[in-house]
Protein backbone atom coordinates (compact mmCIF):
# COMPACT_ATOMS: atom_id res chain seq x y z
CA MET A 1 -10.12 -39.77 54.19
CA MET A 2 -11.13 -42.61 56.38
CA ILE A 3 -9.24 -45.92 56.63
CA SER A 4 -11.17 -48.75 58.38
CA ILE A 5 -9.35 -51.44 60.37
CA VAL A 6 -11.83 -54.35 60.64
CA THR A 7 -11.53 -57.40 62.94
CA ALA A 8 -13.59 -60.49 63.10
CA THR A 9 -13.25 -62.28 66.53
CA LYS A 10 -14.49 -65.23 68.39
CA ASN A 11 -13.31 -66.42 71.83
CA ARG A 12 -9.99 -64.50 71.75
CA LYS A 13 -10.67 -62.17 74.64
CA LEU A 14 -7.09 -62.11 75.89
CA LEU A 15 -5.45 -61.64 72.44
CA LEU A 16 -8.09 -59.22 71.33
CA GLY A 17 -7.06 -56.68 74.04
CA GLU A 18 -3.57 -56.45 72.60
CA ASN A 19 -5.02 -56.24 69.07
CA MET A 20 -7.09 -53.20 70.04
CA GLU A 21 -4.27 -51.60 71.91
CA SER A 22 -2.05 -51.76 68.85
CA VAL A 23 -4.64 -50.09 66.68
CA ARG A 24 -5.28 -47.36 69.34
CA ARG A 25 -1.56 -46.51 69.34
CA SER A 26 -1.53 -45.90 65.49
CA VAL A 27 0.25 -42.65 64.68
CA LEU A 28 -0.90 -40.55 61.68
CA ALA A 29 1.04 -37.35 62.20
CA PRO A 30 1.82 -35.26 60.33
CA ARG A 31 -1.14 -36.28 58.07
CA ARG A 32 -4.22 -34.32 59.20
CA ASP A 33 -6.29 -35.52 56.23
CA VAL A 34 -6.35 -39.09 57.25
CA SER A 35 -8.45 -40.78 60.06
CA PHE A 36 -9.11 -44.32 61.04
CA GLU A 37 -11.67 -46.45 62.83
CA HIS A 38 -11.53 -49.89 64.36
CA VAL A 39 -14.59 -52.06 63.83
CA ILE A 40 -14.89 -55.38 65.59
CA TYR A 41 -17.49 -58.07 64.76
CA ASP A 42 -17.97 -60.71 67.45
CA ASP A 43 -19.01 -64.01 65.82
CA GLY A 44 -20.78 -65.27 68.86
CA SER A 45 -18.07 -65.38 71.51
CA THR A 46 -18.79 -67.22 74.79
CA ASP A 47 -15.65 -66.18 76.70
CA GLY A 48 -16.84 -62.81 77.91
CA THR A 49 -15.27 -60.84 74.99
CA GLU A 50 -18.04 -58.18 75.26
CA LEU A 51 -16.69 -57.28 78.74
CA LEU A 52 -13.79 -55.56 77.00
CA PHE A 53 -16.17 -52.94 75.65
CA GLU A 54 -18.22 -52.15 78.78
CA GLU A 55 -15.79 -49.48 80.03
CA GLY A 56 -12.47 -47.78 79.36
CA TYR A 57 -10.94 -46.71 76.07
CA ALA A 58 -12.38 -49.74 74.13
CA LYS A 59 -15.80 -48.41 74.57
CA SER A 60 -15.04 -45.12 72.87
CA SER A 61 -12.39 -46.05 70.39
CA CYS A 62 -13.84 -49.20 68.84
CA LYS A 63 -17.16 -50.00 67.13
CA TYR A 64 -18.19 -53.36 68.54
CA ILE A 65 -20.92 -55.46 67.10
CA LYS A 66 -21.85 -58.81 68.56
CA GLY A 67 -23.67 -61.50 66.43
CA ASP A 68 -26.40 -63.53 67.98
CA LYS A 69 -24.70 -66.80 66.93
CA SER A 70 -21.64 -67.96 65.09
CA ARG A 71 -21.91 -67.94 61.36
CA GLY A 72 -18.24 -68.39 60.33
CA VAL A 73 -15.26 -66.22 59.78
CA SER A 74 -16.24 -65.09 56.21
CA TYR A 75 -19.62 -63.97 57.37
CA ALA A 76 -18.03 -62.12 60.38
CA LYS A 77 -15.46 -60.34 58.17
CA ASN A 78 -18.25 -59.25 55.76
CA GLN A 79 -20.18 -57.91 58.65
CA ALA A 80 -17.25 -56.00 60.02
CA VAL A 81 -16.80 -54.42 56.62
CA ALA A 82 -20.48 -53.66 56.24
CA HIS A 83 -20.45 -51.81 59.66
CA SER A 84 -17.35 -49.71 58.57
CA SER A 85 -17.34 -46.43 56.78
CA GLY A 86 -13.84 -46.00 55.34
CA GLU A 87 -12.94 -45.64 51.65
CA TYR A 88 -10.22 -48.27 52.32
CA VAL A 89 -10.25 -51.31 54.49
CA PHE A 90 -7.41 -53.18 56.25
CA VAL A 91 -8.46 -56.59 57.79
CA LEU A 92 -6.59 -57.25 60.95
CA ASP A 93 -7.06 -60.76 62.48
CA ASP A 94 -7.93 -60.75 66.19
CA ASP A 95 -4.67 -62.46 67.23
CA ASP A 96 -2.41 -60.11 65.25
CA VAL A 97 -1.13 -56.60 66.10
CA ILE A 98 -0.62 -53.65 63.79
CA LEU A 99 2.39 -51.35 63.72
CA GLN A 100 2.11 -47.68 64.76
CA ARG A 101 2.87 -46.32 61.35
CA THR A 102 0.92 -48.86 59.20
CA ILE A 103 -2.10 -46.72 58.54
CA TYR A 104 0.17 -43.71 57.78
CA ASN A 105 2.33 -45.72 55.46
CA PHE A 106 -0.68 -47.06 53.55
CA ALA A 107 -2.10 -43.51 53.19
CA GLU A 108 1.21 -42.36 51.80
CA CYS A 109 0.93 -44.93 49.04
CA LEU A 110 -2.57 -43.96 47.82
CA GLU A 111 -1.20 -41.66 45.14
CA SER A 112 -0.35 -44.68 43.00
CA GLY A 113 -4.14 -45.03 42.36
CA ALA A 114 -4.21 -48.82 42.96
CA SER A 115 -7.32 -50.54 44.21
CA TRP A 116 -5.34 -52.67 46.69
CA TYR A 117 -1.97 -52.65 48.37
CA LEU A 118 0.27 -55.52 49.48
CA ALA A 119 2.74 -54.99 52.31
CA ASP A 120 5.12 -57.22 54.25
CA PHE A 121 4.71 -58.72 57.68
CA LEU A 122 6.64 -60.36 60.51
CA ARG A 123 5.78 -63.55 62.44
CA ALA A 124 6.01 -63.85 66.27
CA ASP A 125 5.20 -66.57 68.78
CA ASN A 126 2.35 -66.58 71.28
CA ASP A 127 4.14 -64.00 73.47
CA LEU A 128 4.89 -61.70 70.46
CA LYS A 129 8.62 -62.83 70.36
CA TYR A 130 10.02 -62.23 66.97
CA MET A 131 10.58 -65.49 64.95
CA MET A 132 13.78 -65.11 62.95
CA GLY A 133 13.66 -66.36 59.38
CA GLU A 134 9.86 -66.20 59.21
CA ASP A 135 9.40 -62.75 57.65
CA TYR A 136 7.05 -62.42 54.70
CA TYR A 137 7.93 -60.06 51.79
CA SER A 138 5.56 -59.09 49.05
CA TRP A 139 6.55 -59.79 45.43
CA LYS A 140 6.14 -57.64 42.46
CA PHE A 141 4.56 -59.18 39.32
CA SER A 142 4.25 -57.92 35.82
CA THR A 143 0.71 -59.11 35.08
CA THR A 144 -2.34 -60.35 36.94
CA SER A 145 -1.99 -63.75 35.09
CA GLU A 146 1.67 -64.06 36.31
CA MET A 147 0.55 -63.42 39.90
CA LEU A 148 -2.34 -65.76 39.76
CA GLU A 149 -0.25 -68.58 38.43
CA SER A 150 2.25 -68.07 41.35
CA ILE A 151 -0.70 -68.16 43.80
CA TYR A 152 -2.13 -71.33 42.17
CA LYS A 153 1.21 -73.11 42.50
CA GLY A 154 1.26 -72.30 46.17
CA GLU A 155 4.32 -70.11 45.76
CA HIS A 156 2.80 -66.74 46.81
CA PHE A 157 1.01 -66.23 50.09
CA LEU A 158 -1.29 -63.33 50.92
CA GLN A 159 -2.92 -62.99 54.28
CA GLY A 160 -3.41 -59.94 56.64
CA ASN A 161 -0.97 -57.74 54.79
CA VAL A 162 -3.48 -56.18 52.44
CA MET A 163 -5.42 -52.86 52.33
CA PHE A 164 -8.16 -52.65 49.61
CA SER A 165 -10.63 -50.10 48.45
CA ARG A 166 -14.28 -50.55 49.40
CA LYS A 167 -15.07 -50.18 45.74
CA ILE A 168 -13.16 -53.37 44.54
CA PHE A 169 -14.39 -55.32 47.68
CA ASP A 170 -18.05 -54.55 46.77
CA LYS A 171 -17.37 -55.24 43.00
CA VAL A 172 -16.27 -58.80 43.65
CA GLY A 173 -18.93 -59.51 46.33
CA GLY A 174 -16.83 -59.58 49.46
CA PHE A 175 -15.74 -62.76 51.31
CA ASP A 176 -17.17 -66.02 50.15
CA GLU A 177 -19.21 -67.08 53.10
CA LYS A 178 -19.10 -70.77 52.03
CA MET A 179 -15.43 -70.79 52.88
CA GLY A 180 -14.17 -71.74 56.40
CA MET A 181 -10.55 -70.94 55.64
CA ALA A 182 -8.36 -69.31 52.98
CA GLU A 183 -11.26 -66.82 52.51
CA ASP A 184 -8.72 -64.03 52.35
CA LEU A 185 -6.63 -65.59 49.58
CA ASP A 186 -9.83 -66.41 47.68
CA LEU A 187 -10.91 -62.72 47.88
CA TYR A 188 -7.56 -61.52 46.45
CA VAL A 189 -7.73 -64.03 43.64
CA ARG A 190 -10.99 -62.45 42.67
CA PHE A 191 -9.36 -59.06 42.71
CA LEU A 192 -6.83 -60.30 40.25
CA ARG A 193 -9.45 -61.96 38.09
CA GLU A 194 -10.96 -58.50 37.75
CA GLY A 195 -7.70 -57.27 36.33
CA GLU A 196 -6.72 -55.34 39.44
CA MET A 197 -3.06 -55.41 40.24
CA PRO A 198 -1.89 -54.66 43.74
CA ASP A 199 0.71 -52.08 44.48
CA ALA A 200 3.52 -53.97 46.38
CA VAL A 201 4.68 -51.49 48.99
CA CYS A 202 7.90 -51.97 51.04
CA PHE A 203 6.89 -51.67 54.74
CA ILE A 204 5.80 -53.93 57.52
CA SER A 205 2.05 -53.83 58.02
CA HIS A 206 1.66 -56.10 61.09
CA ILE A 207 2.91 -58.82 63.31
CA HIS A 208 1.28 -62.18 62.69
CA ARG A 209 1.02 -64.26 65.80
CA MET A 210 1.71 -67.99 65.56
CA HIS A 211 0.14 -69.82 68.44
CA THR A 212 -1.44 -73.18 69.34
CA PHE A 213 -4.92 -72.37 67.94
CA ASN A 214 -3.72 -70.39 64.96
CA LEU A 215 -4.84 -71.88 61.63
CA SER A 216 -1.65 -70.73 59.94
CA ALA A 217 0.37 -72.63 62.40
CA GLN A 218 -1.56 -75.83 61.64
CA THR A 219 -1.33 -75.45 57.92
CA SER A 220 1.72 -77.15 56.39
CA LYS A 221 3.30 -76.21 53.14
CA GLU A 222 1.64 -79.22 51.55
CA ASP A 223 -1.76 -78.09 52.87
CA HIS A 224 -1.21 -74.59 51.47
CA VAL A 225 -0.43 -76.08 47.94
CA LYS A 226 -3.66 -78.06 48.14
CA ILE A 227 -5.65 -74.96 49.03
CA ALA A 228 -4.10 -73.15 46.18
CA GLN A 229 -4.94 -75.96 43.78
CA GLU A 230 -8.59 -76.02 44.96
CA LEU A 231 -8.72 -72.29 44.09
CA ARG A 232 -7.43 -73.01 40.69
CA LYS A 233 -10.23 -75.59 40.23
CA LYS A 234 -12.86 -73.26 41.62
CA TYR A 235 -12.01 -70.52 39.03
CA LYS A 236 -10.94 -72.76 36.12
CA ASN A 237 -13.60 -71.18 33.81
């Protein structure tokens, strides 16, 4: 079984190096039936990102595709998924790092038969120093309606802590390329609207880096509530 880690990037050369290294260090032992790949789609970087792939381990351990121009994060993520081959997909942002046992832990959960899985994550500053009191823990809900209502109220936040099947991703049409932010939350809302409940699993999937140019760091709680309300309007019918 193949699990694809996909990353969309643009002008994050320095952070992307750590992102790739974290994926390379993934440990799957003792599972011999699971493999992984790292697919990176470059949405028109101008900072020399492509130089990371000219030599060394990155050239052999990652699949790198560079777009001819920037078309936005949703397009880039769709392209990264399109160039991947795994039965399951984990979207890792270019400024975040994955834990060594993340892929193994997700693989261990697949017996539940869910179409998507929701883990926990930690937050760190620009230097990957742990930010106390900023952990995210997934919630367990009884129904898709209950979970949707919590999301629409801005109470429940899903980001890079999700692994999903290619089948459900294709079924809902992938990321909405008209969206410039909250495209991940929008995708997961559509999973729920298809009646697909996630399996909330109790392990840390990744470290989410909060830095100056991070959209999460610039989004206040009030902003998040507004985004959630817009999603409610979008899918009111």
